[in-house]
Protein backbone atom coordinates (compact mmCIF):
# COMPACT_ATOMS: atom_id res chain seq x y z
CA MET A 1 3.49 23.55 -14.62
CA ASP A 2 3.67 21.85 -11.23
CA PHE A 3 -0.01 20.93 -11.03
CA LEU A 4 0.45 18.37 -8.25
CA GLN A 5 2.60 20.81 -6.26
CA LEU A 6 5.11 18.07 -5.42
CA ASN A 7 8.31 19.81 -6.47
CA GLY A 8 10.58 20.18 -3.47
CA LYS A 9 8.41 18.01 -1.21
CA ARG A 10 9.91 15.14 0.79
CA PHE A 11 8.30 11.74 1.37
CA LEU A 12 9.06 8.76 3.57
CA ILE A 13 8.52 5.56 1.60
CA PHE A 14 7.99 2.14 3.17
CA GLY A 15 7.87 -1.01 1.08
CA VAL A 16 10.04 -0.74 -2.02
CA ALA A 17 11.18 -4.24 -2.90
CA ASN A 18 11.78 -4.30 -6.65
CA LYS A 19 10.59 -2.71 -9.89
CA LYS A 20 7.27 -4.56 -9.72
CA SER A 21 6.25 -3.15 -6.34
CA VAL A 22 3.64 -0.42 -5.95
CA ALA A 23 6.05 1.56 -3.80
CA TYR A 24 8.61 1.57 -6.62
CA ALA A 25 6.11 2.96 -9.12
CA VAL A 26 4.94 5.61 -6.64
CA SER A 27 8.50 6.66 -5.83
CA LYS A 28 9.50 6.84 -9.47
CA ALA A 29 6.56 9.14 -10.19
CA LEU A 30 7.29 11.32 -7.15
CA LEU A 31 10.90 11.77 -8.18
CA GLU A 32 9.84 12.66 -11.72
CA GLU A 33 7.65 15.40 -10.19
CA GLY A 34 10.65 16.87 -8.39
CA ALA A 35 10.01 15.38 -4.97
CA GLU A 36 12.58 13.77 -2.67
CA CYS A 37 12.10 10.21 -1.42
CA VAL A 38 13.61 8.63 1.67
CA PHE A 39 13.28 4.86 1.71
CA VAL A 40 12.78 2.29 4.46
CA VAL A 41 13.04 -1.42 3.63
CA GLN A 42 12.77 -4.52 5.79
CA ASN A 43 16.38 -5.69 5.95
CA GLU A 44 19.89 -5.41 4.54
CA THR A 45 19.24 -7.98 1.82
CA ILE A 46 16.40 -5.90 0.37
CA LEU A 47 18.37 -2.71 0.91
CA GLU A 48 21.23 -3.96 -1.23
CA ARG A 49 18.82 -4.69 -4.07
CA ALA A 50 16.45 -1.73 -3.71
CA SER A 51 19.13 0.93 -3.22
CA LYS A 52 20.34 0.23 -6.75
CA LEU A 53 16.94 1.34 -8.04
CA PHE A 54 17.33 4.79 -6.48
CA PRO A 55 21.08 5.27 -5.97
CA ASP A 56 20.80 8.98 -5.18
CA SER A 57 18.33 8.50 -2.32
CA ALA A 58 18.75 7.74 1.38
CA PHE A 59 17.87 4.24 2.58
CA PHE A 60 17.19 2.81 6.03
CA THR A 61 16.17 -0.63 7.29
CA CYS A 62 13.44 -1.58 9.74
CA ASN A 63 11.54 -4.73 10.57
CA VAL A 64 8.16 -3.28 11.60
CA GLU A 65 7.44 -6.30 13.79
CA ASN A 66 10.13 -5.07 16.15
CA GLU A 67 9.22 -2.02 18.28
CA ASP A 68 12.84 -1.32 19.13
CA GLU A 69 13.74 -1.18 15.44
CA ILE A 70 10.96 1.34 14.83
CA LYS A 71 12.25 3.53 17.67
CA ALA A 72 15.80 3.26 16.32
CA LEU A 73 14.57 4.11 12.83
CA ARG A 74 12.85 7.24 14.11
CA GLU A 75 16.09 8.41 15.71
CA LYS A 76 18.22 7.67 12.64
CA VAL A 77 15.82 9.34 10.22
CA GLY A 78 15.27 12.30 12.54
CA ALA A 79 19.00 12.87 12.78
CA ARG A 80 19.20 13.42 9.02
CA PHE A 81 15.83 14.90 8.05
CA ASP A 82 13.78 17.53 9.84
CA SER A 83 10.39 16.97 8.20
CA PHE A 84 8.33 15.01 5.68
CA ASP A 85 5.38 16.16 3.58
CA GLY A 86 3.94 12.68 3.44
CA MET A 87 4.43 9.00 3.99
CA LEU A 88 3.66 5.93 1.88
CA HIS A 89 2.88 2.71 3.75
CA SER A 90 3.13 -0.14 1.28
CA ILE A 91 3.72 -3.02 3.67
CA ALA A 92 1.85 -6.31 3.79
CA PHE A 93 2.64 -9.91 4.66
CA ALA A 94 0.74 -13.16 5.10
CA ASP A 95 2.25 -16.55 5.86
CA TYR A 96 0.80 -19.04 3.38
CA SER A 97 3.55 -21.60 3.97
CA GLU A 98 1.02 -24.14 5.25
CA GLY A 99 -1.08 -23.73 2.12
CA MET A 100 -4.40 -21.98 1.69
CA LYS A 101 -6.90 -23.09 4.34
CA PRO A 102 -10.64 -22.39 4.69
CA PHE A 103 -11.05 -19.10 6.57
CA HIS A 104 -12.34 -20.76 9.74
CA GLU A 105 -9.13 -22.81 9.92
CA THR A 106 -6.87 -19.75 9.84
CA PRO A 107 -3.99 -20.22 12.32
CA LYS A 108 -4.12 -17.60 15.07
CA ARG A 109 -0.38 -17.01 14.87
CA ALA A 110 -0.50 -16.34 11.13
CA PHE A 111 -3.51 -14.02 11.43
CA LEU A 112 -2.00 -11.93 14.21
CA GLN A 113 1.36 -11.68 12.47
CA ALA A 114 -0.31 -10.49 9.26
CA LEU A 115 -2.41 -8.02 11.26
CA ASP A 116 0.70 -6.65 12.96
CA ILE A 117 2.69 -6.21 9.75
CA SER A 118 -0.07 -5.25 7.32
CA CYS A 119 -2.28 -3.08 9.52
CA PHE A 120 -0.91 -2.12 12.92
CA SER A 121 2.40 -1.05 11.41
CA LEU A 122 0.57 1.92 9.86
CA VAL A 123 -0.57 3.00 13.32
CA GLU A 124 2.84 2.43 14.88
CA LEU A 125 4.82 4.18 12.15
CA SER A 126 2.41 7.12 12.09
CA ARG A 127 2.87 7.52 15.84
CA ALA A 128 6.65 7.21 15.61
CA PHE A 129 6.96 9.86 12.89
CA ALA A 130 4.14 12.17 13.98
CA ASP A 131 6.52 14.96 14.95
CA LEU A 132 8.41 14.73 11.66
CA LEU A 133 5.30 15.04 9.49
CA THR A 134 4.41 18.57 8.43
CA PRO A 135 1.04 19.89 9.72
CA THR A 136 -0.61 19.26 6.33
CA ALA A 137 1.14 16.01 5.46
CA SER A 138 -0.59 13.18 3.62
CA VAL A 139 -0.24 9.54 4.66
CA VAL A 140 -1.24 6.91 2.11
CA THR A 141 -1.45 3.16 2.54
CA VAL A 142 -2.12 0.40 0.02
CA SER A 143 -5.33 -1.58 0.50
CA ILE A 144 -7.42 -3.77 -1.84
CA SER A 145 -10.42 -2.93 -3.98
CA THR A 146 -12.89 -4.95 -1.91
CA THR A 147 -12.76 -6.61 1.49
CA THR A 148 -16.26 -8.09 1.35
CA MET A 149 -15.94 -10.45 -1.60
CA ALA A 150 -14.91 -13.77 -0.06
CA SER A 151 -12.15 -14.90 -2.38
CA GLU A 152 -10.84 -18.26 -1.18
CA ASN A 153 -7.34 -17.66 -2.49
CA TYR A 154 -6.89 -14.38 -0.61
CA GLY A 155 -7.60 -16.08 2.67
CA TYR A 156 -7.56 -14.03 5.84
CA MET A 157 -5.93 -10.94 4.34
CA ALA A 158 -9.22 -9.32 3.35
CA PRO A 159 -10.42 -8.92 6.97
CA ILE A 160 -6.98 -7.51 7.82
CA LYS A 161 -7.21 -5.01 4.98
CA ALA A 162 -10.69 -4.10 6.26
CA ALA A 163 -9.08 -3.25 9.59
CA LEU A 164 -6.49 -1.19 7.71
CA ASP A 165 -9.27 0.70 5.91
CA SER A 166 -11.09 1.39 9.17
CA SER A 167 -7.93 2.72 10.82
CA LEU A 168 -7.80 5.61 8.32
CA ALA A 169 -10.68 7.45 9.98
CA PHE A 170 -9.39 6.82 13.48
CA LEU A 171 -5.87 7.97 12.65
CA THR A 172 -7.19 11.10 10.95
CA LYS A 173 -9.34 11.86 13.98
CA SER A 174 -6.45 11.32 16.41
CA PHE A 175 -4.07 13.49 14.40
CA SER A 176 -6.69 16.24 13.97
CA ALA A 177 -6.10 17.20 17.63
CA PHE A 178 -2.77 18.76 16.63
CA SER A 179 -2.59 18.88 12.81
CA LYS A 180 -4.35 18.67 9.46
CA ILE A 181 -2.56 15.44 8.57
CA ARG A 182 -4.83 13.13 6.59
CA PHE A 183 -4.87 9.41 5.99
CA ASN A 184 -6.12 7.70 2.84
CA ALA A 185 -5.69 4.44 0.94
CA VAL A 186 -5.30 3.51 -2.69
CA ALA A 187 -7.15 0.25 -3.27
CA PRO A 188 -6.27 -1.56 -6.50
CA SER A 189 -7.75 -4.78 -7.78
CA LEU A 190 -5.40 -7.61 -8.73
CA LEU A 191 -1.91 -6.47 -9.71
CA LYS A 192 1.06 -8.30 -11.17
CA THR A 193 3.59 -7.87 -8.36
CA SER A 194 6.24 -10.09 -6.80
CA ALA A 195 4.29 -10.18 -3.54
CA SER A 196 1.09 -11.36 -5.23
CA ALA A 197 3.00 -14.12 -7.00
CA GLY A 198 3.40 -15.85 -3.65
CA ILE A 199 -0.35 -16.14 -3.05
CA PRO A 200 -1.66 -19.62 -3.95
CA GLY A 201 -4.08 -19.47 -6.89
CA TYR A 202 -3.50 -15.76 -7.47
CA LEU A 203 -2.63 -16.16 -11.15
CA ASP A 204 -5.98 -17.83 -11.87
CA SER A 205 -7.81 -14.95 -10.20
CA TYR A 206 -5.70 -12.44 -12.12
CA ILE A 207 -6.66 -14.07 -15.42
CA PHE A 208 -10.32 -14.02 -14.40
CA ALA A 209 -10.05 -10.35 -13.43
CA GLU A 210 -8.83 -9.50 -16.90
CA GLN A 211 -12.03 -10.97 -18.31
CA ALA A 212 -14.29 -9.31 -15.73
CA ILE A 213 -12.82 -5.86 -16.36
CA PRO A 214 -14.68 -4.03 -19.16
CA ARG A 215 -11.50 -3.20 -21.07
CA LYS A 216 -10.33 -6.87 -20.77
CA GLU A 217 -7.03 -5.72 -19.31
CA ALA A 218 -5.95 -5.89 -15.68
CA VAL A 219 -5.06 -2.83 -13.65
CA LYS A 220 -1.45 -1.79 -14.10
CA THR A 221 0.76 -1.09 -11.11
CA GLU A 222 1.44 2.36 -12.56
CA GLU A 223 -2.29 3.11 -12.50
CA ALA A 224 -2.53 2.34 -8.79
CA ALA A 225 0.65 4.33 -8.20
CA ALA A 226 -0.75 7.37 -10.02
CA ALA A 227 -3.71 7.42 -7.64
CA ALA A 228 -1.36 7.15 -4.67
CA VAL A 229 0.77 10.04 -5.96
CA PHE A 230 -2.35 12.19 -6.28
CA LEU A 231 -3.38 11.30 -2.72
CA LEU A 232 0.10 12.25 -1.48
CA SER A 233 -0.09 15.59 -3.25
CA PRO A 234 -1.62 18.82 -1.87
CA ARG A 235 -4.11 18.69 -4.76
CA SER A 236 -6.03 15.96 -2.94
CA SER A 237 -6.36 17.97 0.27
CA GLY A 238 -10.14 17.56 0.31
CA ILE A 239 -9.91 13.76 0.30
CA VAL A 240 -9.69 12.53 3.87
CA SER A 241 -10.15 9.09 5.47
CA GLN A 242 -11.06 7.54 2.13
CA LYS A 243 -10.24 4.42 0.18
CA ILE A 244 -9.84 5.21 -3.53
CA VAL A 245 -10.67 2.10 -5.57
CA VAL A 246 -8.61 1.51 -8.72
CA ASP A 247 -10.15 -1.56 -10.35
CA ALA A 248 -10.72 -0.42 -13.97
CA GLY A 249 -14.44 -1.00 -13.52
CA MET A 250 -14.26 -4.64 -12.47
CA SER A 251 -16.80 -4.17 -9.66
CA THR A 252 -19.38 -2.98 -12.20
CA ASN A 253 -19.00 -5.86 -14.63
CA TYR A 254 -19.40 -9.18 -12.81
CA PHE A 255 -22.27 -10.16 -15.11
CA ASP A 256 -20.28 -9.74 -18.30
CA LYS A 257 -22.11 -11.55 -21.10
CA ALA A 258 -19.00 -13.29 -22.42
CA ILE A 259 -18.29 -14.78 -18.99
CA ILE A 260 -21.91 -15.86 -18.52
CA ASP A 261 -21.95 -17.51 -21.93
CA ARG A 262 -18.88 -19.56 -21.07
CA VAL A 263 -20.32 -20.62 -17.71
CA VAL A 264 -23.64 -21.77 -19.13
CA GLY A 265 -21.97 -23.41 -22.12
CA ARG A 266 -23.17 -21.15 -24.91
């Protein structure tokens, strides 16, 4: 039974890097459901690596910081494919090369670059591919479980993800003038991905998260991916402009007794 109604559907996937990436887990699940995936990665180096993961699928490259590359991508993809039933935006970047600074010392250049890649690219790609998305297509991005908890080691990315979350409603409203295309986000808590490994202090927070989660086990990438697959499917048609949190209950368990006991020395 094709409960998710994904068999025969086609999706445009941005952000596959390796087997640890959210986009990989989403794509693997989509293909298992009988869907077709068309991939876009940042550059030729990633393409050489990622194309081996899905050798039977089409791959393209695009640096989303470059408007001309996005226009060229639209032409190349449009020449081969006439429509897509959905799009996954799993793109984020922050330059922590200067180390983690207090938020008020965030370099303007780094903030604006991260905003461009991690947030505005969703707007720009949605605009570029608007005419290739079917009238009931689903667009899903990858956010984070909370943008209001001031975690020092996540730096300025939380405000940028907040902007990403806010853009969902505005994109949905804009697209509603000519379609029923909807925009949503899957928002996992800390995951063990290659991208997260580059964030200073991330491992310590990941270990803490495992203790703060009721089941004492961090969220798996496949769990976040499963939520994204559902949001991409027609079965989630009533979910619009929403952020679906996948944190295994962490946000309900900050006052876990075992953690409190350790803090107060009992």
